[in-house]
Amino acid sequence: MGFQYFLLIIAGFIAGAIDSIAGGGGLITLPTLGMVLEPGVASIGTNKIVGLTGAFMALVVYARKVKMPVGLSIAFSLWIVPGSLCGSRISPLIPKEIFPWILLGTYPIILWVLWRKDLWIQHEDLSEHKNKKFRLLDAFVPRLALTGFLCGFYDGMWGPG
């Protein structure tokens, strides 16, 4: 049991360092939790606590340094909730034996996306959105709704990265 605690502590430090630099600490914590607990829902659920805490702290630090378009952020976040709910409902239906194969399939893709972040960033002037108040209609912009739902679905079903 002592080695498992040591493994979790070391993985936590490594994942925290990776998350603080580039994001993607879940790529370390989820497999480690899968080895200590068991692959599947228990590991994903435990990883969500770590991920939520890290994401919240990153948001606080980011919001202090950058003027965020709050209205668009709220609209995007509204779609993450139903996506995450759908993904978390599907996750328990996946057999535990398949989770290691999902790791093998998704990790290279996630690492590529993390490495090539600039491919996914659309450089546009957000100054018009900076002081914009949130309106409920903002939540129904198709691209915003689809990406928010898909991000939530992925995070609820699997989650790392």
Foldseek 3Di string as FASTA:
>chain_A
DVVLVVQQVVLVVVLVVCCVPQRQSCLRQLVSLCVVPNAFDVSLVVVVVVVVVSVVVVVVVVVVVDQDLVQLVVLLQVLLVVLLVQQLVCRVVDDRVCRVVVSVVCVVVVVVCSVPVVVVDDDDDCPVRRPDDHDNVSNVPPVSNVVSSNVSNCCNNPNGD
